[in-house]
Amino acid sequence: MPKLARVLETCLYVDDLERASRFYEEVLDLPRIGGDDSRFCAYDVGGQSVLLLFRRSGTLEAVDLPGGTIPPHDGRGPLHFAFAVDADELPAWERRLSERGVALEGDVDWPRGGRSIYFRDPDAHVIELATPGLWTTY
């Protein structure tokens, strides 16, 4: 059986690409690594994965590129995803979010020893910052 290595991309669908881009760049300090500013933006996450923001309903048709075709995709509703953070950096993240007016909606101490905090982006997606200990693999 061939093996999967990791999740490479996470994709969110947003109503206002400019507003969402500002949030991820200014609040979470993610560096932009691609995009076309009308349909999508791509962000580097820790040099290991990519966060894609697509304008909702902006990819309902296939995209033909010189190297091939990307099939249509889209999504609705608030989604959840987590960023891994070092335990000693979580208090700094809490301060940063507070300073930028981002309210925490949850705070969980996990049985394995990890801790998670939860907040929302401008499109109501639930973002989790999780420290090691959350899962047996993390």
C-alpha atoms as a PDB file:
ATOM      1  CA  MET A   1       0.000   0.000   0.000  1.00  0.00           C
ATOM      2  CA  PRO A   2       1.462   3.421  -0.899  1.00  0.00           C
ATOM      3  CA  LYS A   3       1.720   5.778   2.096  1.00  0.00           C
ATOM      4  CA  LEU A   4       0.446   9.313   2.587  1.00  0.00           C
ATOM      5  CA  ALA A   5       3.132  11.640   3.981  1.00  0.00           C
ATOM      6  CA  ARG A   6       1.100  14.557   5.423  1.00  0.00           C
ATOM      7  CA  VAL A   7      -1.646  17.032   4.640  1.00  0.00           C
ATOM      8  CA  LEU A   8       0.002  19.479   2.233  1.00  0.00           C
ATOM      9  CA  GLU A   9      -2.808  21.994   1.719  1.00  0.00           C
ATOM     10  CA  THR A  10      -5.804  23.156   3.674  1.00  0.00           C
ATOM     11  CA  CYS A  11      -8.382  25.141   1.722  1.00  0.00           C
ATOM     12  CA  LEU A  12     -10.906  27.631   3.077  1.00  0.00           C
ATOM     13  CA  TYR A  13     -13.623  29.362   1.090  1.00  0.00           C
ATOM     14  CA  VAL A  14     -14.173  33.019   1.963  1.00  0.00           C
ATOM     15  CA  ASP A  15     -16.734  35.639   1.015  1.00  0.00           C
ATOM     16  CA  ASP A  16     -14.287  38.561   0.797  1.00  0.00           C
ATOM     17  CA  LEU A  17     -10.792  37.531  -0.310  1.00  0.00           C
ATOM     18  CA  GLU A  18      -9.219  40.908   0.525  1.00  0.00           C
ATOM     19  CA  ARG A  19     -10.677  40.915   4.064  1.00  0.00           C
ATOM     20  CA  ALA A  20      -9.627  37.314   4.684  1.00  0.00           C
ATOM     21  CA  SER A  21      -6.131  37.965   3.329  1.00  0.00           C
ATOM     22  CA  ARG A  22      -5.680  40.915   5.693  1.00  0.00           C
ATOM     23  CA  PHE A  23      -6.670  38.714   8.653  1.00  0.00           C
ATOM     24  CA  TYR A  24      -4.266  35.889   7.817  1.00  0.00           C
ATOM     25  CA  GLU A  25      -1.424  38.268   6.959  1.00  0.00           C
ATOM     26  CA  GLU A  26      -1.872  40.833   9.744  1.00  0.00           C
ATOM     27  CA  VAL A  27      -3.227  38.751  12.625  1.00  0.00           C
ATOM     28  CA  LEU A  28      -1.487  35.413  12.001  1.00  0.00           C
ATOM     29  CA  ASP A  29       1.525  36.854  10.120  1.00  0.00           C
ATOM     30  CA  LEU A  30       1.392  34.204   7.382  1.00  0.00           C
ATOM     31  CA  PRO A  31       3.612  34.946   4.367  1.00  0.00           C
ATOM     32  CA  ARG A  32       1.843  34.950   1.023  1.00  0.00           C
ATOM     33  CA  ILE A  33       3.475  32.585  -1.468  1.00  0.00           C
ATOM     34  CA  GLY A  34       1.036  32.749  -4.377  1.00  0.00           C
ATOM     35  CA  GLY A  35      -2.351  33.679  -5.690  1.00  0.00           C
ATOM     36  CA  ASP A  36      -4.010  35.998  -8.126  1.00  0.00           C
ATOM     37  CA  ASP A  37      -5.819  38.364  -5.688  1.00  0.00           C
ATOM     38  CA  SER A  38      -9.177  37.797  -7.383  1.00  0.00           C
ATOM     39  CA  ARG A  39      -9.725  34.050  -7.046  1.00  0.00           C
ATOM     40  CA  PHE A  40      -7.270  32.776  -4.405  1.00  0.00           C
ATOM     41  CA  CYS A  41      -4.296  33.417  -2.125  1.00  0.00           C
ATOM     42  CA  ALA A  42      -1.761  30.863  -0.870  1.00  0.00           C
ATOM     43  CA  TYR A  43       0.135  31.099   2.430  1.00  0.00           C
ATOM     44  CA  ASP A  44       3.166  29.272   3.810  1.00  0.00           C
ATOM     45  CA  VAL A  45       2.481  27.638   7.179  1.00  0.00           C
ATOM     46  CA  GLY A  46       5.721  26.893   8.991  1.00  0.00           C
ATOM     47  CA  GLY A  47       7.543  25.836   5.845  1.00  0.00           C
ATOM     48  CA  GLN A  48       5.624  22.550   5.890  1.00  0.00           C
ATOM     49  CA  SER A  49       2.139  23.175   4.562  1.00  0.00           C
ATOM     50  CA  VAL A  50       0.031  25.645   2.607  1.00  0.00           C
ATOM     51  CA  LEU A  51      -3.174  27.426   3.562  1.00  0.00           C
ATOM     52  CA  LEU A  52      -5.281  28.285   0.519  1.00  0.00           C
ATOM     53  CA  LEU A  53      -8.007  30.924   0.618  1.00  0.00           C
ATOM     54  CA  PHE A  54     -10.432  30.728  -2.292  1.00  0.00           C
ATOM     55  CA  ARG A  55     -13.151  33.261  -3.001  1.00  0.00           C
ATOM     56  CA  ARG A  56     -16.416  31.403  -2.413  1.00  0.00           C
ATOM     57  CA  SER A  57     -18.011  30.365  -5.737  1.00  0.00           C
ATOM     58  CA  GLY A  58     -14.824  31.451  -7.529  1.00  0.00           C
ATOM     59  CA  THR A  59     -13.829  27.927  -8.530  1.00  0.00           C
ATOM     60  CA  LEU A  60     -17.119  26.458  -9.754  1.00  0.00           C
ATOM     61  CA  GLU A  61     -15.604  25.786 -13.174  1.00  0.00           C
ATOM     62  CA  ALA A  62     -12.488  23.805 -14.064  1.00  0.00           C
ATOM     63  CA  VAL A  63      -9.276  25.804 -14.397  1.00  0.00           C
ATOM     64  CA  ASP A  64      -7.179  24.875 -17.415  1.00  0.00           C
ATOM     65  CA  LEU A  65      -3.460  25.457 -16.940  1.00  0.00           C
ATOM     66  CA  PRO A  66      -0.566  24.761 -19.328  1.00  0.00           C
ATOM     67  CA  GLY A  67       0.265  21.649 -17.257  1.00  0.00           C
ATOM     68  CA  GLY A  68      -3.272  20.298 -16.855  1.00  0.00           C
ATOM     69  CA  THR A  69      -6.723  20.925 -15.392  1.00  0.00           C
ATOM     70  CA  ILE A  70      -7.807  21.617 -11.827  1.00  0.00           C
ATOM     71  CA  PRO A  71     -11.364  20.316 -11.242  1.00  0.00           C
ATOM     72  CA  PRO A  72     -14.049  22.614  -9.838  1.00  0.00           C
ATOM     73  CA  HIS A  73     -14.419  22.852  -6.053  1.00  0.00           C
ATOM     74  CA  ASP A  74     -16.195  25.005  -3.482  1.00  0.00           C
ATOM     75  CA  GLY A  75     -17.497  24.901   0.063  1.00  0.00           C
ATOM     76  CA  ARG A  76     -20.050  26.438   2.407  1.00  0.00           C
ATOM     77  CA  GLY A  77     -20.336  26.961   6.113  1.00  0.00           C
ATOM     78  CA  PRO A  78     -17.850  27.517   8.909  1.00  0.00           C
ATOM     79  CA  LEU A  79     -15.012  24.995   8.946  1.00  0.00           C
ATOM     80  CA  HIS A  80     -12.468  24.061  11.611  1.00  0.00           C
ATOM     81  CA  PHE A  81      -8.721  23.575  11.343  1.00  0.00           C
ATOM     82  CA  ALA A  82      -5.746  23.743  13.708  1.00  0.00           C
ATOM     83  CA  PHE A  83      -2.275  25.236  13.598  1.00  0.00           C
ATOM     84  CA  ALA A  84       0.453  23.533  15.648  1.00  0.00           C
ATOM     85  CA  VAL A  85       2.220  25.906  18.064  1.00  0.00           C
ATOM     86  CA  ASP A  86       4.899  25.407  20.695  1.00  0.00           C
ATOM     87  CA  ALA A  87       3.524  25.347  24.244  1.00  0.00           C
ATOM     88  CA  ASP A  88       5.766  28.214  25.348  1.00  0.00           C
ATOM     89  CA  GLU A  89       4.428  30.418  22.499  1.00  0.00           C
ATOM     90  CA  LEU A  90       0.725  30.005  23.303  1.00  0.00           C
ATOM     91  CA  PRO A  91       0.638  32.906  25.842  1.00  0.00           C
ATOM     92  CA  ALA A  92       2.189  35.220  23.222  1.00  0.00           C
ATOM     93  CA  TRP A  93      -0.486  34.131  20.746  1.00  0.00           C
ATOM     94  CA  GLU A  94      -3.199  34.877  23.305  1.00  0.00           C
ATOM     95  CA  ARG A  95      -1.762  38.398  23.793  1.00  0.00           C
ATOM     96  CA  ARG A  96      -1.438  38.965  20.035  1.00  0.00           C
ATOM     97  CA  LEU A  97      -5.025  37.927  19.377  1.00  0.00           C
ATOM     98  CA  SER A  98      -6.310  40.101  22.231  1.00  0.00           C
ATOM     99  CA  GLU A  99      -4.318  43.119  20.987  1.00  0.00           C
ATOM    100  CA  ARG A 100      -5.907  42.693  17.559  1.00  0.00           C
ATOM    101  CA  GLY A 101      -9.438  42.408  18.941  1.00  0.00           C
ATOM    102  CA  VAL A 102      -9.823  38.687  18.203  1.00  0.00           C
ATOM    103  CA  ALA A 103     -11.976  37.047  20.891  1.00  0.00           C
ATOM    104  CA  LEU A 104     -11.202  33.565  22.152  1.00  0.00           C
ATOM    105  CA  GLU A 105     -14.199  31.224  22.026  1.00  0.00           C
ATOM    106  CA  GLY A 106     -12.650  28.193  23.667  1.00  0.00           C
ATOM    107  CA  ASP A 107      -9.715  27.026  25.767  1.00  0.00           C
ATOM    108  CA  VAL A 108      -9.138  23.314  26.406  1.00  0.00           C
ATOM    109  CA  ASP A 109      -6.527  21.467  28.478  1.00  0.00           C
ATOM    110  CA  TRP A 110      -6.278  18.009  26.908  1.00  0.00           C
ATOM    111  CA  PRO A 111      -5.847  14.760  28.904  1.00  0.00           C
ATOM    112  CA  ARG A 112      -2.534  13.994  27.135  1.00  0.00           C
ATOM    113  CA  GLY A 113      -1.148  17.371  28.232  1.00  0.00           C
ATOM    114  CA  GLY A 114      -1.708  19.577  25.198  1.00  0.00           C
ATOM    115  CA  ARG A 115      -3.733  22.773  25.217  1.00  0.00           C
ATOM    116  CA  SER A 116      -5.861  24.404  22.522  1.00  0.00           C
ATOM    117  CA  ILE A 117      -7.367  27.839  22.110  1.00  0.00           C
ATOM    118  CA  TYR A 118     -10.108  28.591  19.589  1.00  0.00           C
ATOM    119  CA  PHE A 119     -11.150  31.755  17.720  1.00  0.00           C
ATOM    120  CA  ARG A 120     -12.807  32.690  14.432  1.00  0.00           C
ATOM    121  CA  ASP A 121     -11.652  34.356  11.237  1.00  0.00           C
ATOM    122  CA  PRO A 122     -13.823  36.958   9.447  1.00  0.00           C
ATOM    123  CA  ASP A 123     -15.743  34.168   7.637  1.00  0.00           C
ATOM    124  CA  ALA A 124     -16.585  32.394  10.932  1.00  0.00           C
ATOM    125  CA  HIS A 125     -14.132  29.521  10.351  1.00  0.00           C
ATOM    126  CA  VAL A 126     -12.966  28.116  13.696  1.00  0.00           C
ATOM    127  CA  ILE A 127      -9.189  28.305  14.075  1.00  0.00           C
ATOM    128  CA  GLU A 128      -7.459  26.247  16.736  1.00  0.00           C
ATOM    129  CA  LEU A 129      -3.940  26.826  18.013  1.00  0.00           C
ATOM    130  CA  ALA A 130      -2.835  23.518  19.543  1.00  0.00           C
ATOM    131  CA  THR A 131       0.240  22.595  21.569  1.00  0.00           C
ATOM    132  CA  PRO A 132       1.929  19.179  21.591  1.00  0.00           C
ATOM    133  CA  GLY A 133       0.065  16.496  23.482  1.00  0.00           C
ATOM    134  CA  LEU A 134      -3.258  16.901  21.713  1.00  0.00           C
ATOM    135  CA  TRP A 135      -2.960  13.652  19.716  1.00  0.00           C
ATOM    136  CA  THR A 136      -0.762  10.579  19.974  1.00  0.00           C
ATOM    137  CA  THR A 137       0.887  11.829  16.763  1.00  0.00           C
ATOM    138  CA  TYR A 138       1.338  15.375  18.108  1.00  0.00           C
END
